[in-house]
Amino acid sequence: YIGTSNKKSAITPVLEAEGLRIDNRKILDATISEDKKVLLEIIEKIENTRPDKIVFVDDSLEQLKLVPHIGTRMLASWGYVIKGDLQQAKKLGIAIATKDNVGHLLQELSSSSDFK
């Protein structure tokens, strides 16, 4: 699943460029809610899963700090991120995703038994 405050039409080309194919029905966008906590709760209910089984990638450190109970949090370094955000994320144990490594990190997590 992808929960975004953007629109599906903006997200899909980026995913395809990275070789990631996601069912369009599993992209929850701003037409559902712009509140990412709400989108995460919807995913939990649909999948009947726990928060610690979710991977949350965002380009806002503040958004990531709002959900400390989520299993894996990644700061997308290509967005609205400054050097201080990267340093603080590391201190908080939040992984740093780059355009070069995000596909690999997500594929690695998806093959982990912790996230099946």
Protein backbone atom coordinates (compact mmCIF):
# COMPACT_ATOMS: atom_id res chain seq x y z
CA TYR A 1 0.00 0.00 0.00
CA ILE A 2 0.92 3.59 -0.49
CA GLY A 3 -0.70 6.32 1.55
CA THR A 4 -0.01 9.75 0.13
CA SER A 5 -1.25 13.31 0.47
CA ASN A 6 -0.59 13.55 -3.25
CA LYS A 7 -2.68 12.12 -6.10
CA LYS A 8 -2.26 8.64 -7.57
CA SER A 9 -1.54 10.17 -10.96
CA ALA A 10 1.60 11.81 -9.53
CA ILE A 11 2.82 8.71 -7.68
CA THR A 12 2.34 5.99 -10.32
CA PRO A 13 4.99 7.23 -12.82
CA VAL A 14 7.60 7.45 -10.05
CA LEU A 15 6.91 3.88 -8.95
CA GLU A 16 7.02 2.57 -12.49
CA ALA A 17 10.32 4.36 -13.13
CA GLU A 18 11.73 2.46 -10.13
CA GLY A 19 10.36 -0.84 -11.42
CA LEU A 20 7.81 -1.08 -8.59
CA ARG A 21 4.36 -2.24 -9.64
CA ILE A 22 1.62 -1.54 -7.12
CA ASP A 23 -2.05 -2.32 -7.64
CA ASN A 24 -3.81 1.02 -8.17
CA ARG A 25 -6.39 0.01 -5.55
CA LYS A 26 -3.57 -0.10 -3.00
CA ILE A 27 -2.63 3.55 -3.43
CA LEU A 28 -4.60 5.61 -0.91
CA ASP A 29 -4.32 9.24 -1.92
CA ALA A 30 -5.52 12.73 -1.01
CA THR A 31 -9.00 11.96 -2.34
CA ILE A 32 -9.44 9.65 0.68
CA SER A 33 -7.61 11.74 3.30
CA GLU A 34 -4.66 14.10 3.49
CA ASP A 35 -3.99 12.90 7.05
CA LYS A 36 -1.39 10.15 6.81
CA LYS A 37 -2.26 8.75 10.22
CA VAL A 38 -5.79 8.15 8.90
CA LEU A 39 -4.40 6.45 5.78
CA LEU A 40 -2.20 4.20 7.94
CA GLU A 41 -5.21 3.26 10.09
CA ILE A 42 -7.18 2.38 6.94
CA ILE A 43 -4.36 0.09 5.79
CA GLU A 44 -4.24 -1.58 9.22
CA LYS A 45 -7.99 -2.29 9.04
CA ILE A 46 -8.04 -3.48 5.42
CA GLU A 47 -5.14 -5.85 5.98
CA ASN A 48 -6.06 -6.76 9.55
CA THR A 49 -2.48 -6.09 10.56
CA ARG A 50 -0.58 -4.42 13.36
CA PRO A 51 1.22 -1.07 13.05
CA ASP A 52 4.59 -2.73 13.59
CA LYS A 53 4.11 -4.60 10.29
CA ILE A 54 3.87 -1.38 8.26
CA VAL A 55 6.65 0.46 6.42
CA PHE A 56 6.12 4.22 6.29
CA VAL A 57 8.20 6.32 3.88
CA ASP A 58 7.79 10.09 3.96
CA ASP A 59 9.77 13.18 3.03
CA SER A 60 8.69 14.94 6.23
CA LEU A 61 10.49 14.10 9.45
CA GLU A 62 7.57 15.64 11.35
CA GLN A 63 5.14 13.13 9.78
CA LEU A 64 7.43 10.25 10.72
CA LYS A 65 7.70 11.47 14.31
CA LEU A 66 3.90 11.34 14.62
CA VAL A 67 3.86 7.54 14.20
CA PRO A 68 6.59 6.07 16.43
CA HIS A 69 4.60 2.80 16.69
CA ILE A 70 5.03 2.02 12.98
CA GLY A 71 7.33 -0.92 12.27
CA THR A 72 9.77 0.72 9.85
CA ARG A 73 9.98 4.44 9.18
CA MET A 74 12.07 5.86 6.33
CA LEU A 75 12.84 9.48 5.61
CA ALA A 76 12.78 10.16 1.87
CA SER A 77 15.86 12.34 1.49
CA TRP A 78 14.85 13.77 -1.90
CA GLY A 79 11.88 15.76 -0.61
CA TYR A 80 11.64 18.70 1.74
CA VAL A 81 14.55 17.51 3.83
CA ILE A 82 17.44 19.53 5.23
CA LYS A 83 20.71 18.24 6.65
CA GLY A 84 19.45 18.68 10.22
CA ASP A 85 16.46 16.41 9.45
CA LEU A 86 18.81 13.68 8.26
CA GLN A 87 20.89 13.93 11.43
CA GLN A 88 17.83 13.90 13.68
CA ALA A 89 16.31 10.95 11.80
CA LYS A 90 19.48 8.92 12.35
CA LYS A 91 19.35 9.72 16.09
CA LEU A 92 15.72 8.56 16.19
CA GLY A 93 16.52 5.30 14.39
CA ILE A 94 14.67 6.31 11.25
CA ALA A 95 16.19 4.89 8.07
CA ILE A 96 17.24 7.25 5.28
CA ALA A 97 15.87 6.43 1.84
CA THR A 98 17.53 7.93 -1.22
CA LYS A 99 16.39 7.82 -4.83
CA ASP A 100 19.18 5.31 -5.41
CA ASN A 101 18.35 2.93 -2.55
CA VAL A 102 14.59 3.17 -1.97
CA GLY A 103 13.66 0.45 -4.45
CA HIS A 104 16.22 -1.91 -2.95
CA LEU A 105 15.17 -1.11 0.64
CA LEU A 106 11.49 -1.71 -0.11
CA GLN A 107 12.16 -4.94 -2.00
CA GLU A 108 14.36 -6.15 0.84
CA LEU A 109 11.64 -5.41 3.39
CA SER A 110 8.92 -7.00 1.27
CA SER A 111 10.87 -10.26 1.17
CA SER A 112 11.33 -10.24 4.96
CA SER A 113 9.12 -12.60 6.94
CA ASP A 114 8.43 -9.72 9.35
CA PHE A 115 6.37 -7.92 6.73
CA LYS A 116 4.36 -10.74 5.15
